[in-house]
Amino acid sequence: MALGGCSLLPSGNQGNQGTEPKPAASTAAPAEQDVAKPPAKPAEPLSAAQELSDKVKASLTKLATVTKAPNREQMLAAMLEAGAVKEQVELSVDITPTGLAVDAVESATRVAEECVIGQVRDGNVAVMVLPVLASGRCFVGDIH
């Protein structure tokens, strides 16, 4: 009695002497050539928050080259250098309640209905634009 079957897995089957079927050649043209590319959309102008975000990134990057762990005053100065309005700048604490240095210092400023938030952590800079919170502020918690 003999059984036959198919398998997608290679086997040591004696009937297959190292010859494998070759895939059939396709006569169809590549799809990319058949599809016309849509015209490029003109770039939308940056929002005021996005423009400030670029300036904050540059200012905080400059600060991070001087100190890997800036304090609140240095973060405030960097935000003002970038063009933020002093009365709109929010700052995180730079010392914990137990007197230890924090891992990261953050600053934020409101621009219309968006917040430009910057962080320096161990010399690395991160800046993002996020929506304003329901409170009208960028950070949750007490104002320091």
Protein backbone atom coordinates (compact mmCIF):
# COMPACT_ATOMS: atom_id res chain seq x y z
CA MET A 1 0.00 0.00 0.00
CA ALA A 2 1.36 3.40 -0.94
CA LEU A 3 0.27 6.82 0.24
CA GLY A 4 1.00 10.15 -1.44
CA GLY A 5 0.63 13.68 -0.17
CA CYS A 6 1.81 17.25 -0.35
CA SER A 7 3.67 19.31 2.21
CA LEU A 8 4.96 22.86 2.30
CA LEU A 9 7.82 21.75 4.50
CA PRO A 10 10.99 20.27 3.04
CA SER A 11 11.45 16.65 3.83
CA GLY A 12 13.99 13.93 3.31
CA ASN A 13 11.59 12.32 0.83
CA GLN A 14 13.45 10.09 -1.58
CA GLY A 15 11.11 11.08 -4.41
CA ASN A 16 12.40 14.67 -4.37
CA GLN A 17 15.96 14.54 -5.65
CA GLY A 18 16.84 18.19 -4.89
CA THR A 19 14.71 19.58 -7.67
CA GLU A 20 12.14 22.06 -6.63
CA PRO A 21 9.53 23.58 -8.87
CA LYS A 22 10.37 27.08 -10.05
CA PRO A 23 7.76 29.80 -9.70
CA ALA A 24 6.05 30.73 -12.94
CA ALA A 25 7.35 33.91 -14.55
CA SER A 26 4.90 36.76 -14.44
CA THR A 27 4.09 38.59 -17.63
CA ALA A 28 2.22 41.36 -15.83
CA ALA A 29 3.92 44.74 -15.59
CA PRO A 30 4.73 45.98 -12.09
CA ALA A 31 1.76 47.78 -10.53
CA GLU A 32 3.82 50.87 -9.68
CA GLN A 33 4.31 51.69 -13.34
CA ASP A 34 0.59 51.50 -14.08
CA VAL A 35 -0.48 53.86 -11.32
CA ALA A 36 -0.11 57.59 -11.87
CA LYS A 37 1.22 59.44 -8.85
CA PRO A 38 -1.06 62.14 -7.47
CA PRO A 39 0.29 65.68 -7.54
CA ALA A 40 2.13 66.72 -4.41
CA LYS A 41 0.08 68.79 -1.98
CA PRO A 42 1.51 72.16 -1.05
CA ALA A 43 2.93 72.18 2.46
CA GLU A 44 0.64 73.71 5.04
CA PRO A 45 2.09 76.62 6.98
CA LEU A 46 3.29 75.80 10.48
CA SER A 47 1.07 76.80 13.38
CA ALA A 48 2.42 79.31 15.90
CA ALA A 49 2.92 76.43 18.35
CA GLN A 50 4.87 74.40 15.79
CA GLU A 51 7.09 77.39 15.00
CA LEU A 52 7.77 77.97 18.68
CA SER A 53 8.39 74.25 19.12
CA ASP A 54 11.29 74.43 16.66
CA LYS A 55 12.78 77.39 18.54
CA VAL A 56 12.30 75.68 21.93
CA LYS A 57 14.04 72.55 20.61
CA ALA A 58 17.02 74.63 19.46
CA SER A 59 17.19 76.56 22.73
CA LEU A 60 16.93 73.46 24.96
CA THR A 61 19.47 71.61 22.81
CA LYS A 62 21.88 74.50 23.33
CA LEU A 63 21.19 74.34 27.09
CA ALA A 64 21.70 70.55 27.16
CA THR A 65 25.20 70.97 25.74
CA VAL A 66 26.07 73.07 28.80
CA THR A 67 24.32 70.98 31.46
CA LYS A 68 22.73 67.54 31.34
CA ALA A 69 20.40 68.38 34.25
CA PRO A 70 19.29 72.03 34.09
CA ASN A 71 17.46 73.72 36.95
CA ARG A 72 14.21 75.68 36.75
CA GLU A 73 15.91 79.02 36.17
CA GLN A 74 17.93 77.63 33.26
CA MET A 75 14.81 76.08 31.73
CA LEU A 76 12.94 79.38 32.08
CA ALA A 77 15.80 81.27 30.45
CA ALA A 78 15.85 78.79 27.54
CA MET A 79 12.09 79.14 27.04
CA LEU A 80 12.34 82.94 27.04
CA GLU A 81 15.27 82.78 24.60
CA ALA A 82 13.03 80.73 22.29
CA GLY A 83 10.36 83.43 22.40
CA ALA A 84 7.96 82.24 25.09
CA VAL A 85 6.13 84.82 27.19
CA LYS A 86 7.35 84.69 30.81
CA GLU A 87 3.84 84.82 32.31
CA GLN A 88 2.78 81.83 30.19
CA VAL A 89 5.72 79.53 31.04
CA GLU A 90 5.04 76.58 33.35
CA LEU A 91 7.96 74.74 34.96
CA SER A 92 8.25 71.43 36.73
CA VAL A 93 10.11 71.15 40.01
CA ASP A 94 13.83 70.47 39.89
CA ILE A 95 14.14 69.09 43.44
CA THR A 96 11.93 66.37 44.94
CA PRO A 97 10.19 66.92 48.32
CA THR A 98 12.97 64.82 49.89
CA GLY A 99 15.68 67.09 48.48
CA LEU A 100 16.88 64.90 45.61
CA ALA A 101 17.42 66.08 42.05
CA VAL A 102 14.67 65.06 39.62
CA ASP A 103 15.32 62.82 36.62
CA ALA A 104 13.98 65.39 34.15
CA VAL A 105 13.00 69.02 34.15
CA GLU A 106 10.07 70.09 31.99
CA SER A 107 8.81 73.43 30.80
CA ALA A 108 5.74 74.38 28.84
CA THR A 109 4.04 77.38 27.37
CA ARG A 110 0.58 77.85 25.98
CA VAL A 111 0.20 79.06 22.40
CA ALA A 112 -3.46 79.51 21.46
CA GLU A 113 -5.10 76.14 22.18
CA GLU A 114 -1.84 74.17 22.18
CA CYS A 115 1.04 73.65 24.57
CA VAL A 116 4.68 73.51 23.59
CA ILE A 117 6.28 71.17 26.11
CA GLY A 118 10.02 70.70 26.44
CA GLN A 119 12.02 68.29 28.54
CA VAL A 120 15.70 67.81 29.30
CA ARG A 121 16.61 64.39 30.71
CA ASP A 122 20.25 63.43 31.12
CA GLY A 123 21.27 65.81 28.35
CA ASN A 124 18.61 64.57 25.92
CA VAL A 125 15.97 66.99 24.68
CA ALA A 126 12.37 66.20 23.78
CA VAL A 127 9.86 68.78 22.58
CA MET A 128 6.25 68.19 21.59
CA VAL A 129 3.06 70.10 20.88
CA LEU A 130 -0.01 68.88 22.77
CA PRO A 131 -3.52 70.22 23.33
CA VAL A 132 -4.21 72.54 26.27
CA LEU A 133 -5.75 70.76 29.27
CA ALA A 134 -9.35 71.45 30.33
CA SER A 135 -7.92 73.62 33.13
CA GLY A 136 -6.44 75.95 30.50
CA ARG A 137 -2.92 74.97 31.50
CA CYS A 138 -0.28 72.65 30.09
CA PHE A 139 0.71 70.82 33.30
CA VAL A 140 -1.41 69.07 35.91
CA GLY A 141 -0.84 69.99 39.53
CA ASP A 142 0.19 72.95 41.59
CA ILE A 143 1.68 76.04 40.04
CA HIS A 144 5.28 76.49 41.20
